[in-house]
PDB file of N, CA and C in Angstrom:
ATOM      1  N   TRP A   1     -46.725 -26.426  -3.755  1.00  0.00           N
ATOM      2  CA  TRP A   1     -47.245 -27.448  -2.859  1.00  0.00           C
ATOM      3  C   TRP A   1     -46.113 -28.165  -2.131  1.00  0.00           C
ATOM      4  N   ILE A   2     -45.028 -28.353  -2.808  1.00  0.00           N
ATOM      5  CA  ILE A   2     -43.930 -29.113  -2.219  1.00  0.00           C
ATOM      6  C   ILE A   2     -43.445 -28.446  -0.939  1.00  0.00           C
ATOM      7  N   ALA A   3     -43.216 -27.152  -0.982  1.00  0.00           N
ATOM      8  CA  ALA A   3     -42.779 -26.429   0.211  1.00  0.00           C
ATOM      9  C   ALA A   3     -43.877 -26.429   1.277  1.00  0.00           C
ATOM     10  N   ASP A   4     -45.119 -26.267   0.859  1.00  0.00           N
ATOM     11  CA  ASP A   4     -46.237 -26.245   1.805  1.00  0.00           C
ATOM     12  C   ASP A   4     -46.375 -27.563   2.567  1.00  0.00           C
ATOM     13  N   PHE A   5     -46.025 -28.662   1.934  1.00  0.00           N
ATOM     14  CA  PHE A   5     -46.168 -29.974   2.555  1.00  0.00           C
ATOM     15  C   PHE A   5     -44.878 -30.465   3.215  1.00  0.00           C
ATOM     16  N   GLY A   6     -43.832 -29.664   3.153  1.00  0.00           N
ATOM     17  CA  GLY A   6     -42.585 -30.015   3.819  1.00  0.00           C
ATOM     18  C   GLY A   6     -41.784 -31.107   3.135  1.00  0.00           C
ATOM     19  N   ILE A   7     -41.971 -31.264   1.824  1.00  0.00           N
ATOM     20  CA  ILE A   7     -41.210 -32.263   1.073  1.00  0.00           C
ATOM     21  C   ILE A   7     -39.801 -31.711   0.843  1.00  0.00           C
ATOM     22  N   LYS A   8     -38.814 -32.504   1.149  1.00  0.00           N
ATOM     23  CA  LYS A   8     -37.420 -32.094   0.989  1.00  0.00           C
ATOM     24  C   LYS A   8     -36.921 -32.407  -0.423  1.00  0.00           C
ATOM     25  N   THR A   9     -35.977 -31.631  -0.896  1.00  0.00           N
ATOM     26  CA  THR A   9     -35.389 -31.840  -2.214  1.00  0.00           C
ATOM     27  C   THR A   9     -34.839 -33.255  -2.344  1.00  0.00           C
ATOM     28  N   GLU A  10     -34.249 -33.761  -1.297  1.00  0.00           N
ATOM     29  CA  GLU A  10     -33.690 -35.116  -1.318  1.00  0.00           C
ATOM     30  C   GLU A  10     -34.778 -36.155  -1.589  1.00  0.00           C
ATOM     31  N   ASP A  11     -35.979 -35.933  -1.051  1.00  0.00           N
ATOM     32  CA  ASP A  11     -37.089 -36.861  -1.274  1.00  0.00           C
ATOM     33  C   ASP A  11     -37.478 -36.925  -2.750  1.00  0.00           C
ATOM     34  N   LEU A  12     -37.322 -35.824  -3.452  1.00  0.00           N
ATOM     35  CA  LEU A  12     -37.727 -35.754  -4.852  1.00  0.00           C
ATOM     36  C   LEU A  12     -36.855 -36.612  -5.763  1.00  0.00           C
ATOM     37  N   LYS A  13     -35.652 -36.900  -5.338  1.00  0.00           N
ATOM     38  CA  LYS A  13     -34.732 -37.658  -6.177  1.00  0.00           C
ATOM     39  C   LYS A  13     -35.245 -39.067  -6.456  1.00  0.00           C
ATOM     40  N   ASN A  14     -36.073 -39.600  -5.569  1.00  0.00           N
ATOM     41  CA  ASN A  14     -36.521 -40.981  -5.699  1.00  0.00           C
ATOM     42  C   ASN A  14     -38.002 -41.111  -6.015  1.00  0.00           C
ATOM     43  N   LEU A  15     -38.716 -40.008  -6.145  1.00  0.00           N
ATOM     44  CA  LEU A  15     -40.149 -40.058  -6.387  1.00  0.00           C
ATOM     45  C   LEU A  15     -40.481 -39.689  -7.824  1.00  0.00           C
ATOM     46  N   THR A  16     -41.416 -40.418  -8.405  1.00  0.00           N
ATOM     47  CA  THR A  16     -41.935 -40.012  -9.704  1.00  0.00           C
ATOM     48  C   THR A  16     -42.948 -38.903  -9.471  1.00  0.00           C
ATOM     49  N   VAL A  17     -43.328 -38.219 -10.524  1.00  0.00           N
ATOM     50  CA  VAL A  17     -44.340 -37.166 -10.418  1.00  0.00           C
ATOM     51  C   VAL A  17     -45.626 -37.763  -9.836  1.00  0.00           C
ATOM     52  N   ALA A  18     -46.034 -38.928 -10.350  1.00  0.00           N
ATOM     53  CA  ALA A  18     -47.259 -39.570  -9.870  1.00  0.00           C
ATOM     54  C   ALA A  18     -47.153 -39.938  -8.392  1.00  0.00           C
ATOM     55  N   ALA A  19     -46.031 -40.474  -7.985  1.00  0.00           N
ATOM     56  CA  ALA A  19     -45.842 -40.856  -6.582  1.00  0.00           C
ATOM     57  C   ALA A  19     -45.828 -39.625  -5.679  1.00  0.00           C
ATOM     58  N   LEU A  20     -45.200 -38.549  -6.114  1.00  0.00           N
ATOM     59  CA  LEU A  20     -45.174 -37.314  -5.340  1.00  0.00           C
ATOM     60  C   LEU A  20     -46.588 -36.772  -5.153  1.00  0.00           C
ATOM     61  N   LEU A  21     -47.343 -36.699  -6.245  1.00  0.00           N
ATOM     62  CA  LEU A  21     -48.707 -36.178  -6.145  1.00  0.00           C
ATOM     63  C   LEU A  21     -49.574 -37.079  -5.275  1.00  0.00           C
ATOM     64  N   ALA A  22     -49.414 -38.385  -5.390  1.00  0.00           N
ATOM     65  CA  ALA A  22     -50.164 -39.320  -4.544  1.00  0.00           C
ATOM     66  C   ALA A  22     -49.815 -39.114  -3.072  1.00  0.00           C
ATOM     67  N   LYS A  23     -48.546 -38.882  -2.787  1.00  0.00           N
ATOM     68  CA  LYS A  23     -48.102 -38.627  -1.409  1.00  0.00           C
ATOM     69  C   LYS A  23     -48.730 -37.341  -0.875  1.00  0.00           C
ATOM     70  N   LEU A  24     -48.753 -36.304  -1.707  1.00  0.00           N
ATOM     71  CA  LEU A  24     -49.359 -35.040  -1.289  1.00  0.00           C
ATOM     72  C   LEU A  24     -50.865 -35.209  -1.057  1.00  0.00           C
ATOM     73  N   ILE A  25     -51.529 -35.947  -1.925  1.00  0.00           N
ATOM     74  CA  ILE A  25     -52.970 -36.190  -1.771  1.00  0.00           C
ATOM     75  C   ILE A  25     -53.238 -36.882  -0.441  1.00  0.00           C
ATOM     76  N   ALA A  26     -52.434 -37.864  -0.105  1.00  0.00           N
ATOM     77  CA  ALA A  26     -52.625 -38.617   1.136  1.00  0.00           C
ATOM     78  C   ALA A  26     -52.306 -37.800   2.377  1.00  0.00           C
ATOM     79  N   THR A  27     -51.528 -36.747   2.205  1.00  0.00           N
ATOM     80  CA  THR A  27     -51.075 -35.947   3.341  1.00  0.00           C
ATOM     81  C   THR A  27     -52.092 -34.904   3.799  1.00  0.00           C
ATOM     82  N   THR A  28     -53.009 -34.508   2.928  1.00  0.00           N
ATOM     83  CA  THR A  28     -53.935 -33.430   3.267  1.00  0.00           C
ATOM     84  C   THR A  28     -55.373 -33.919   3.392  1.00  0.00           C
ATOM     85  N   ASP A  29     -56.111 -33.234   4.269  1.00  0.00           N
ATOM     86  CA  ASP A  29     -57.544 -33.484   4.409  1.00  0.00           C
ATOM     87  C   ASP A  29     -58.344 -32.357   3.773  1.00  0.00           C
ATOM     88  N   ASP A  30     -57.664 -31.377   3.204  1.00  0.00           N
ATOM     89  CA  ASP A  30     -58.304 -30.223   2.584  1.00  0.00           C
ATOM     90  C   ASP A  30     -58.871 -30.640   1.225  1.00  0.00           C
ATOM     91  N   ALA A  31     -60.196 -30.726   1.124  1.00  0.00           N
ATOM     92  CA  ALA A  31     -60.853 -31.228  -0.089  1.00  0.00           C
ATOM     93  C   ALA A  31     -60.489 -30.434  -1.353  1.00  0.00           C
ATOM     94  N   PRO A  32     -60.485 -29.096  -1.322  1.00  0.00           N
ATOM     95  CA  PRO A  32     -60.099 -28.359  -2.529  1.00  0.00           C
ATOM     96  C   PRO A  32     -58.651 -28.634  -2.959  1.00  0.00           C
ATOM     97  N   VAL A  33     -57.763 -28.755  -2.002  1.00  0.00           N
ATOM     98  CA  VAL A  33     -56.367 -29.054  -2.323  1.00  0.00           C
ATOM     99  C   VAL A  33     -56.264 -30.466  -2.891  1.00  0.00           C
ATOM    100  N   GLN A  34     -56.964 -31.413  -2.277  1.00  0.00           N
ATOM    101  CA  GLN A  34     -56.966 -32.777  -2.809  1.00  0.00           C
ATOM    102  C   GLN A  34     -57.496 -32.794  -4.241  1.00  0.00           C
ATOM    103  N   GLY A  35     -58.548 -32.033  -4.497  1.00  0.00           N
ATOM    104  CA  GLY A  35     -59.104 -31.969  -5.846  1.00  0.00           C
ATOM    105  C   GLY A  35     -58.103 -31.434  -6.856  1.00  0.00           C
ATOM    106  N   ALA A  36     -57.394 -30.382  -6.477  1.00  0.00           N
ATOM    107  CA  ALA A  36     -56.378 -29.805  -7.370  1.00  0.00           C
ATOM    108  C   ALA A  36     -55.234 -30.787  -7.602  1.00  0.00           C
ATOM    109  N   LEU A  37     -54.815 -31.479  -6.542  1.00  0.00           N
ATOM    110  CA  LEU A  37     -53.741 -32.459  -6.667  1.00  0.00           C
ATOM    111  C   LEU A  37     -54.167 -33.643  -7.532  1.00  0.00           C
ATOM    112  N   LYS A  38     -55.405 -34.086  -7.367  1.00  0.00           N
ATOM    113  CA  LYS A  38     -55.911 -35.194  -8.188  1.00  0.00           C
ATOM    114  C   LYS A  38     -55.986 -34.781  -9.656  1.00  0.00           C
ATOM    115  N   ALA A  39     -56.379 -33.545  -9.913  1.00  0.00           N
ATOM    116  CA  ALA A  39     -56.417 -33.043 -11.286  1.00  0.00           C
ATOM    117  C   ALA A  39     -54.999 -32.989 -11.865  1.00  0.00           C
ATOM    118  N   ALA A  40     -54.044 -32.544 -11.055  1.00  0.00           N
ATOM    119  CA  ALA A  40     -52.647 -32.489 -11.498  1.00  0.00           C
ATOM    120  C   ALA A  40     -52.122 -33.899 -11.778  1.00  0.00           C
ATOM    121  N   LEU A  41     -52.501 -34.866 -10.945  1.00  0.00           N
ATOM    122  CA  LEU A  41     -52.085 -36.251 -11.158  1.00  0.00           C
ATOM    123  C   LEU A  41     -52.654 -36.795 -12.463  1.00  0.00           C
ATOM    124  N   GLN A  42     -53.917 -36.542 -12.705  1.00  0.00           N
ATOM    125  CA  GLN A  42     -54.549 -36.992 -13.945  1.00  0.00           C
ATOM    126  C   GLN A  42     -53.878 -36.342 -15.162  1.00  0.00           C
ATOM    127  N   LEU A  43     -53.584 -35.059 -15.056  1.00  0.00           N
ATOM    128  CA  LEU A  43     -52.905 -34.346 -16.134  1.00  0.00           C
ATOM    129  C   LEU A  43     -51.512 -34.923 -16.392  1.00  0.00           C
ATOM    130  N   ALA A  44     -50.766 -35.184 -15.319  1.00  0.00           N
ATOM    131  CA  ALA A  44     -49.416 -35.734 -15.455  1.00  0.00           C
ATOM    132  C   ALA A  44     -49.446 -37.095 -16.138  1.00  0.00           C
ATOM    133  N   ARG A  45     -50.369 -37.923 -15.723  1.00  0.00           N
ATOM    134  CA  ARG A  45     -50.482 -39.250 -16.339  1.00  0.00           C
ATOM    135  C   ARG A  45     -50.918 -39.136 -17.800  1.00  0.00           C
ATOM    136  N   GLY A  46     -51.880 -38.266 -18.068  1.00  0.00           N
ATOM    137  CA  GLY A  46     -52.375 -38.087 -19.430  1.00  0.00           C
ATOM    138  C   GLY A  46     -51.333 -37.511 -20.369  1.00  0.00           C
ATOM    139  N   ALA A  47     -50.475 -36.652 -19.837  1.00  0.00           N
ATOM    140  CA  ALA A  47     -49.431 -36.027 -20.648  1.00  0.00           C
ATOM    141  C   ALA A  47     -48.208 -36.925 -20.812  1.00  0.00           C
ATOM    142  N   GLY A  48     -48.209 -38.038 -20.081  1.00  0.00           N
ATOM    143  CA  GLY A  48     -47.121 -38.999 -20.240  1.00  0.00           C
ATOM    144  C   GLY A  48     -45.897 -38.765 -19.387  1.00  0.00           C
ATOM    145  N   PHE A  49     -45.970 -37.878 -18.400  1.00  0.00           N
ATOM    146  CA  PHE A  49     -44.790 -37.678 -17.563  1.00  0.00           C
ATOM    147  C   PHE A  49     -45.013 -38.063 -16.105  1.00  0.00           C
ATOM    148  N   GLY A  50     -46.076 -38.802 -15.840  1.00  0.00           N
ATOM    149  CA  GLY A  50     -46.357 -39.248 -14.475  1.00  0.00           C
ATOM    150  C   GLY A  50     -45.272 -40.137 -13.895  1.00  0.00           C
ATOM    151  N   GLU A  51     -44.592 -40.900 -14.744  1.00  0.00           N
ATOM    152  CA  GLU A  51     -43.551 -41.805 -14.258  1.00  0.00           C
ATOM    153  C   GLU A  51     -42.148 -41.209 -14.356  1.00  0.00           C
ATOM    154  N   SER A  52     -42.062 -39.936 -14.720  1.00  0.00           N
ATOM    155  CA  SER A  52     -40.771 -39.242 -14.730  1.00  0.00           C
ATOM    156  C   SER A  52     -40.409 -38.843 -13.308  1.00  0.00           C
ATOM    157  N   LEU A  53     -39.135 -38.750 -13.019  1.00  0.00           N
ATOM    158  CA  LEU A  53     -38.708 -38.318 -11.689  1.00  0.00           C
ATOM    159  C   LEU A  53     -39.132 -36.873 -11.444  1.00  0.00           C
ATOM    160  N   ALA A  54     -39.707 -36.635 -10.281  1.00  0.00           N
ATOM    161  CA  ALA A  54     -40.208 -35.310  -9.933  1.00  0.00           C
ATOM    162  C   ALA A  54     -39.090 -34.271  -9.916  1.00  0.00           C
ATOM    163  N   ALA A  55     -37.907 -34.670  -9.511  1.00  0.00           N
ATOM    164  CA  ALA A  55     -36.782 -33.733  -9.421  1.00  0.00           C
ATOM    165  C   ALA A  55     -36.488 -33.071 -10.761  1.00  0.00           C
ATOM    166  N   ARG A  56     -36.828 -33.752 -11.832  1.00  0.00           N
ATOM    167  CA  ARG A  56     -36.593 -33.209 -13.171  1.00  0.00           C
ATOM    168  C   ARG A  56     -37.370 -31.913 -13.407  1.00  0.00           C
ATOM    169  N   PHE A  57     -38.486 -31.756 -12.717  1.00  0.00           N
ATOM    170  CA  PHE A  57     -39.374 -30.621 -12.943  1.00  0.00           C
ATOM    171  C   PHE A  57     -39.311 -29.554 -11.853  1.00  0.00           C
ATOM    172  N   ILE A  58     -38.507 -29.786 -10.841  1.00  0.00           N
ATOM    173  CA  ILE A  58     -38.460 -28.869  -9.706  1.00  0.00           C
ATOM    174  C   ILE A  58     -37.176 -28.052  -9.777  1.00  0.00           C
ATOM    175  N   GLU A  59     -37.350 -26.758  -9.749  1.00  0.00           N
ATOM    176  CA  GLU A  59     -36.205 -25.859  -9.763  1.00  0.00           C
ATOM    177  C   GLU A  59     -35.937 -25.410  -8.336  1.00  0.00           C
ATOM    178  N   GLU A  60     -34.725 -25.651  -7.867  1.00  0.00           N
ATOM    179  CA  GLU A  60     -34.359 -25.212  -6.534  1.00  0.00           C
ATOM    180  C   GLU A  60     -34.094 -23.714  -6.538  1.00  0.00           C
ATOM    181  N   LYS A  61     -34.584 -23.053  -5.506  1.00  0.00           N
ATOM    182  CA  LYS A  61     -34.324 -21.625  -5.355  1.00  0.00           C
ATOM    183  C   LYS A  61     -33.004 -21.451  -4.615  1.00  0.00           C
ATOM    184  N   PRO A  62     -32.187 -20.527  -5.072  1.00  0.00           N
ATOM    185  CA  PRO A  62     -30.929 -20.290  -4.359  1.00  0.00           C
ATOM    186  C   PRO A  62     -31.208 -19.729  -2.966  1.00  0.00           C
ATOM    187  N   ALA A  63     -30.328 -20.049  -2.038  1.00  0.00           N
ATOM    188  CA  ALA A  63     -30.462 -19.533  -0.683  1.00  0.00           C
ATOM    189  C   ALA A  63     -30.336 -18.030  -0.688  1.00  0.00           C
ATOM    190  N   THR A  64     -31.162 -17.380   0.119  1.00  0.00           N
ATOM    191  CA  THR A  64     -31.089 -15.918   0.213  1.00  0.00           C
ATOM    192  C   THR A  64     -30.131 -15.530   1.340  1.00  0.00           C
ATOM    193  N   LYS A  65     -29.486 -14.422   1.157  1.00  0.00           N
ATOM    194  CA  LYS A  65     -28.559 -13.935   2.183  1.00  0.00           C
ATOM    195  C   LYS A  65     -29.350 -13.172   3.224  1.00  0.00           C
ATOM    196  N   ALA A  66     -28.993 -13.376   4.473  1.00  0.00           N
ATOM    197  CA  ALA A  66     -29.687 -12.707   5.593  1.00  0.00           C
ATOM    198  C   ALA A  66     -29.042 -11.401   5.923  1.00  0.00           C
TER     199      ALA A  66
END
């Protein structure tokens, strides 16, 4: 979702998981995507990592050679 919504790696350094998911929810009008994001937000909060920094859970892909 992060790549699909154009979120930059730098943005993740300051966002919690909950804040990132809330931002993604607000960015889309696609009801099924919003539903999945809301479920992910509820899961993150329930599992106790909603207030953790999102960058902790995101693995950057190495640049590919052209």
